[in-house]
N, C-alpha and C. Protein backbone atom coordinates (compact mmCIF):
# COMPACT_ATOMS: atom_id res chain seq x y z
N MET A 1 135.77 148.29 -11.14
CA MET A 1 135.56 149.03 -12.35
C MET A 1 134.72 148.18 -13.32
N ALA A 2 133.69 148.80 -13.90
CA ALA A 2 132.77 148.09 -14.79
C ALA A 2 133.39 147.95 -16.18
N ASP A 3 133.10 146.83 -16.82
CA ASP A 3 133.55 146.64 -18.19
C ASP A 3 132.73 147.54 -19.11
N GLU A 4 133.38 148.07 -20.08
CA GLU A 4 132.70 148.94 -21.03
C GLU A 4 132.55 148.21 -22.36
N VAL A 5 131.35 148.28 -22.92
CA VAL A 5 131.08 147.67 -24.22
C VAL A 5 130.88 148.80 -25.21
N ARG A 6 131.57 148.72 -26.29
CA ARG A 6 131.45 149.74 -27.32
C ARG A 6 131.09 149.07 -28.62
N ILE A 7 130.04 149.57 -29.24
CA ILE A 7 129.57 149.02 -30.52
C ILE A 7 129.76 150.09 -31.58
N VAL A 8 130.42 149.72 -32.65
CA VAL A 8 130.64 150.64 -33.76
C VAL A 8 129.93 150.05 -34.98
N VAL A 9 129.04 150.84 -35.55
CA VAL A 9 128.28 150.39 -36.72
C VAL A 9 128.96 150.93 -37.98
N ASP A 10 129.29 150.03 -38.87
CA ASP A 10 129.89 150.41 -40.14
C ASP A 10 128.76 150.57 -41.16
N GLU A 11 128.22 151.80 -41.21
CA GLU A 11 127.06 152.06 -42.07
C GLU A 11 127.37 151.80 -43.54
N ARG A 12 128.57 152.10 -43.97
CA ARG A 12 128.94 151.87 -45.36
C ARG A 12 128.86 150.39 -45.70
N ALA A 13 129.36 149.55 -44.81
CA ALA A 13 129.34 148.11 -45.04
C ALA A 13 127.90 147.59 -45.05
N ILE A 14 127.07 148.11 -44.17
CA ILE A 14 125.66 147.69 -44.14
C ILE A 14 124.98 148.09 -45.44
N ARG A 15 125.23 149.31 -45.89
CA ARG A 15 124.62 149.79 -47.13
C ARG A 15 125.10 148.95 -48.32
N GLU A 16 126.39 148.63 -48.36
CA GLU A 16 126.93 147.80 -49.44
C GLU A 16 126.32 146.40 -49.43
N TYR A 17 126.16 145.84 -48.23
CA TYR A 17 125.57 144.52 -48.13
C TYR A 17 124.11 144.54 -48.59
N ALA A 18 123.36 145.56 -48.15
CA ALA A 18 121.96 145.68 -48.55
C ALA A 18 121.82 145.84 -50.05
N ALA A 19 122.77 146.54 -50.66
CA ALA A 19 122.72 146.77 -52.10
C ALA A 19 123.29 145.60 -52.92
N SER A 20 123.87 144.63 -52.25
CA SER A 20 124.50 143.53 -52.98
C SER A 20 123.47 142.70 -53.74
N GLY A 21 123.91 142.12 -54.78
CA GLY A 21 123.03 141.27 -55.58
C GLY A 21 122.53 140.06 -54.83
N ASP A 22 123.29 139.59 -53.86
CA ASP A 22 122.89 138.41 -53.08
C ASP A 22 121.60 138.66 -52.33
N VAL A 23 121.50 139.83 -51.69
CA VAL A 23 120.30 140.15 -50.91
C VAL A 23 119.11 140.31 -51.84
N ALA A 24 119.29 141.05 -52.91
CA ALA A 24 118.19 141.26 -53.86
C ALA A 24 117.73 139.94 -54.46
N GLU A 25 118.67 139.09 -54.80
CA GLU A 25 118.33 137.78 -55.39
C GLU A 25 117.53 136.92 -54.41
N LEU A 26 117.95 136.91 -53.16
CA LEU A 26 117.24 136.15 -52.14
C LEU A 26 115.82 136.68 -51.93
N LEU A 27 115.67 138.00 -51.88
CA LEU A 27 114.34 138.59 -51.69
C LEU A 27 113.45 138.36 -52.91
N MET A 28 114.03 138.45 -54.10
CA MET A 28 113.25 138.19 -55.31
C MET A 28 112.76 136.75 -55.34
N GLU A 29 113.61 135.84 -54.89
CA GLU A 29 113.21 134.43 -54.82
C GLU A 29 112.08 134.25 -53.81
N ALA A 30 112.17 134.92 -52.68
CA ALA A 30 111.13 134.82 -51.65
C ALA A 30 109.81 135.41 -52.14
N GLY A 31 109.88 136.40 -53.03
CA GLY A 31 108.67 137.03 -53.56
C GLY A 31 108.01 136.27 -54.69
N GLU A 32 108.69 135.27 -55.23
CA GLU A 32 108.15 134.52 -56.38
C GLU A 32 106.79 133.89 -56.11
N PRO A 33 106.59 133.18 -54.97
CA PRO A 33 105.27 132.60 -54.74
C PRO A 33 104.18 133.66 -54.52
N VAL A 34 104.53 134.79 -53.94
CA VAL A 34 103.54 135.86 -53.75
C VAL A 34 103.09 136.37 -55.11
N GLU A 35 104.04 136.57 -56.01
CA GLU A 35 103.71 137.01 -57.37
C GLU A 35 102.79 136.00 -58.05
N ALA A 36 103.10 134.73 -57.93
CA ALA A 36 102.29 133.69 -58.57
C ALA A 36 100.87 133.65 -58.01
N TYR A 37 100.74 133.72 -56.68
CA TYR A 37 99.41 133.72 -56.07
C TYR A 37 98.63 134.98 -56.45
N ALA A 38 99.31 136.13 -56.51
CA ALA A 38 98.64 137.38 -56.89
C ALA A 38 98.12 137.29 -58.32
N LYS A 39 98.93 136.75 -59.22
CA LYS A 39 98.49 136.60 -60.61
C LYS A 39 97.29 135.67 -60.72
N SER A 40 97.31 134.59 -59.94
CA SER A 40 96.20 133.63 -60.02
C SER A 40 94.93 134.19 -59.38
N GLY A 41 95.05 135.08 -58.40
CA GLY A 41 93.88 135.62 -57.72
C GLY A 41 93.33 136.90 -58.31
N ALA A 42 94.07 137.54 -59.20
CA ALA A 42 93.65 138.81 -59.80
C ALA A 42 92.49 138.59 -60.77
N PRO A 43 91.64 139.62 -60.95
CA PRO A 43 90.57 139.52 -61.94
C PRO A 43 91.14 139.28 -63.33
N LYS A 44 90.42 138.53 -64.15
CA LYS A 44 90.97 138.14 -65.45
C LYS A 44 89.99 138.27 -66.61
N ARG A 45 89.39 139.42 -66.78
CA ARG A 45 88.52 139.58 -67.94
C ARG A 45 89.32 139.32 -69.22
N SER A 46 90.46 139.98 -69.36
CA SER A 46 91.32 139.73 -70.51
C SER A 46 92.61 139.01 -70.10
N GLY A 47 92.95 139.09 -68.82
CA GLY A 47 94.17 138.48 -68.34
C GLY A 47 95.38 139.40 -68.39
N GLU A 48 95.22 140.57 -69.05
CA GLU A 48 96.35 141.49 -69.18
C GLU A 48 96.77 142.07 -67.83
N GLY A 49 95.80 142.44 -67.01
CA GLY A 49 96.11 143.03 -65.70
C GLY A 49 96.88 142.04 -64.84
N ALA A 50 96.36 140.83 -64.73
CA ALA A 50 97.04 139.80 -63.94
C ALA A 50 98.43 139.52 -64.50
N GLY A 51 98.54 139.54 -65.82
CA GLY A 51 99.83 139.28 -66.46
C GLY A 51 100.86 140.38 -66.22
N SER A 52 100.37 141.57 -65.83
CA SER A 52 101.29 142.69 -65.60
C SER A 52 101.87 142.68 -64.19
N ILE A 53 101.38 141.82 -63.32
CA ILE A 53 101.88 141.77 -61.94
C ILE A 53 103.30 141.21 -61.96
N ARG A 54 104.22 141.98 -61.38
CA ARG A 54 105.63 141.62 -61.37
C ARG A 54 106.26 141.99 -60.02
N ARG A 55 107.40 141.40 -59.73
CA ARG A 55 108.16 141.77 -58.54
C ARG A 55 109.41 142.49 -58.99
N GLU A 56 109.83 143.45 -58.15
CA GLU A 56 111.05 144.19 -58.45
C GLU A 56 111.75 144.56 -57.15
N PRO A 57 113.08 144.50 -57.14
CA PRO A 57 113.82 144.86 -55.92
C PRO A 57 113.81 146.38 -55.73
N VAL A 58 113.70 146.80 -54.48
CA VAL A 58 113.71 148.22 -54.14
C VAL A 58 114.71 148.43 -53.01
N LEU A 59 115.67 149.31 -53.22
CA LEU A 59 116.66 149.64 -52.20
C LEU A 59 116.41 151.06 -51.73
N ASP A 60 116.17 151.21 -50.43
CA ASP A 60 115.93 152.52 -49.83
C ASP A 60 116.84 152.66 -48.62
N GLY A 61 117.97 153.31 -48.80
CA GLY A 61 118.94 153.44 -47.71
C GLY A 61 119.50 152.08 -47.34
N PHE A 62 119.23 151.65 -46.10
CA PHE A 62 119.70 150.35 -45.62
C PHE A 62 118.69 149.24 -45.90
N THR A 63 117.53 149.61 -46.39
CA THR A 63 116.44 148.65 -46.50
C THR A 63 116.29 148.15 -47.93
N GLN A 64 116.38 146.85 -48.10
CA GLN A 64 116.17 146.20 -49.39
C GLN A 64 114.84 145.45 -49.29
N THR A 65 113.92 145.72 -50.19
CA THR A 65 112.62 145.05 -50.19
C THR A 65 112.30 144.59 -51.61
N VAL A 66 111.19 143.89 -51.73
CA VAL A 66 110.68 143.49 -53.03
C VAL A 66 109.28 144.04 -53.15
N ARG A 67 109.04 144.77 -54.21
CA ARG A 67 107.72 145.34 -54.49
C ARG A 67 107.03 144.42 -55.48
N ILE A 68 105.80 144.05 -55.17
CA ILE A 68 105.01 143.20 -56.07
C ILE A 68 103.75 143.97 -56.40
N SER A 69 103.59 144.29 -57.68
CA SER A 69 102.44 145.09 -58.09
C SER A 69 102.22 144.97 -59.59
N TRP A 70 101.19 145.61 -60.06
CA TRP A 70 100.87 145.68 -61.48
C TRP A 70 101.54 146.91 -62.06
N ASP A 71 101.57 146.99 -63.40
CA ASP A 71 102.16 148.16 -64.04
C ASP A 71 101.15 149.30 -64.10
N ARG A 72 101.63 150.48 -64.49
CA ARG A 72 100.77 151.68 -64.52
C ARG A 72 99.53 151.53 -65.40
N ALA A 73 99.70 150.88 -66.51
CA ALA A 73 98.58 150.74 -67.45
C ALA A 73 97.42 149.94 -66.84
N HIS A 74 97.70 149.18 -65.81
CA HIS A 74 96.67 148.33 -65.20
C HIS A 74 96.35 148.78 -63.77
N TYR A 75 96.38 150.11 -63.57
CA TYR A 75 96.11 150.72 -62.27
C TYR A 75 94.76 150.32 -61.68
N TYR A 76 93.82 149.98 -62.54
CA TYR A 76 92.46 149.65 -62.10
C TYR A 76 92.43 148.41 -61.19
N LEU A 77 93.48 147.61 -61.20
CA LEU A 77 93.51 146.44 -60.32
C LEU A 77 93.42 146.87 -58.85
N TYR A 78 93.91 148.08 -58.56
CA TYR A 78 93.79 148.60 -57.19
C TYR A 78 92.33 148.67 -56.78
N PHE A 79 91.47 149.14 -57.66
CA PHE A 79 90.04 149.28 -57.35
C PHE A 79 89.39 147.93 -57.12
N HIS A 80 89.80 146.93 -57.87
CA HIS A 80 89.28 145.58 -57.66
C HIS A 80 89.76 145.03 -56.32
N ASP A 81 91.01 145.26 -56.01
CA ASP A 81 91.60 144.73 -54.78
C ASP A 81 91.02 145.43 -53.54
N ARG A 82 90.88 146.74 -53.58
CA ARG A 82 90.45 147.52 -52.40
C ARG A 82 88.98 147.90 -52.40
N GLY A 83 88.36 147.92 -53.58
CA GLY A 83 86.96 148.30 -53.66
C GLY A 83 86.78 149.80 -53.79
N THR A 84 85.59 150.18 -54.25
CA THR A 84 85.20 151.58 -54.37
C THR A 84 83.76 151.70 -53.90
N GLU A 85 83.22 152.89 -54.04
CA GLU A 85 81.82 153.10 -53.68
C GLU A 85 80.89 152.24 -54.53
N HIS A 86 81.30 151.98 -55.76
CA HIS A 86 80.45 151.22 -56.70
C HIS A 86 80.94 149.81 -57.00
N LEU A 87 82.10 149.47 -56.51
CA LEU A 87 82.69 148.16 -56.80
C LEU A 87 83.13 147.51 -55.50
N PRO A 88 82.53 146.39 -55.14
CA PRO A 88 82.95 145.75 -53.88
C PRO A 88 84.39 145.24 -53.97
N ALA A 89 85.07 145.30 -52.86
CA ALA A 89 86.46 144.83 -52.81
C ALA A 89 86.51 143.33 -53.05
N ARG A 90 87.46 142.93 -53.88
CA ARG A 90 87.76 141.51 -54.10
C ARG A 90 89.26 141.34 -53.93
N PRO A 91 89.70 141.34 -52.67
CA PRO A 91 91.15 141.32 -52.40
C PRO A 91 91.85 140.12 -53.01
N PHE A 92 93.01 140.38 -53.55
CA PHE A 92 93.84 139.29 -54.06
C PHE A 92 95.32 139.48 -53.70
N MET A 93 95.75 140.70 -53.38
CA MET A 93 97.15 140.92 -53.03
C MET A 93 97.49 140.41 -51.63
N GLU A 94 96.72 140.82 -50.65
CA GLU A 94 96.99 140.37 -49.28
C GLU A 94 96.78 138.86 -49.14
N PRO A 95 95.71 138.32 -49.72
CA PRO A 95 95.58 136.85 -49.68
C PRO A 95 96.74 136.13 -50.38
N ALA A 96 97.33 136.75 -51.39
CA ALA A 96 98.49 136.14 -52.07
C ALA A 96 99.66 136.04 -51.09
N LEU A 97 99.87 137.08 -50.31
CA LEU A 97 100.95 137.06 -49.32
C LEU A 97 100.66 136.01 -48.25
N GLU A 98 99.43 135.97 -47.78
CA GLU A 98 99.05 134.98 -46.76
C GLU A 98 99.20 133.55 -47.29
N ALA A 99 98.81 133.33 -48.53
CA ALA A 99 98.93 131.99 -49.13
C ALA A 99 100.39 131.58 -49.26
N ALA A 100 101.22 132.54 -49.68
CA ALA A 100 102.65 132.24 -49.84
C ALA A 100 103.29 131.96 -48.49
N ILE A 101 102.92 132.71 -47.48
CA ILE A 101 103.47 132.48 -46.14
C ILE A 101 103.00 131.13 -45.62
N GLY A 102 101.74 130.80 -45.86
CA GLY A 102 101.21 129.50 -45.45
C GLY A 102 101.91 128.34 -46.14
N GLY A 103 102.35 128.56 -47.37
CA GLY A 103 103.05 127.52 -48.11
C GLY A 103 104.48 127.32 -47.64
N ILE A 104 105.02 128.33 -46.93
CA ILE A 104 106.40 128.24 -46.43
C ILE A 104 106.47 127.36 -45.20
N SER A 105 105.46 127.48 -44.32
CA SER A 105 105.55 126.73 -43.06
C SER A 105 105.21 125.29 -43.19
C-alpha cells in the first residue's frame, strides 16, 4: 500500500502573514535603494518630479509588493522614462532596479 501525502493550505493564515506589518516593512526596506537610484536618475529640471518618487506597500490577495513611482502631478516622468514620438527614451526606473540589485550581490 502506497503512502498518501496530503497537503492542506491555510489560505487565511497566508493572507494574514502577507498582510502583516513584518512583510511590508521588509519589502519597503528592500525597495529603499531602488527609490534612491530612481530619484538620482530621474530628469531634474526643477527636481520636483524626482522628489515625488516614493515607495508604497501594495497588498493584492496573497501578494505583497512594493510600488515605486512618481505621484500623479508628475505623470510626465513616464514619457521621459519610456520615450514618445518626439522625446527619446531616457530610462531611469529599470536601471534603478538593476543598480539596486547589483548593489545587493
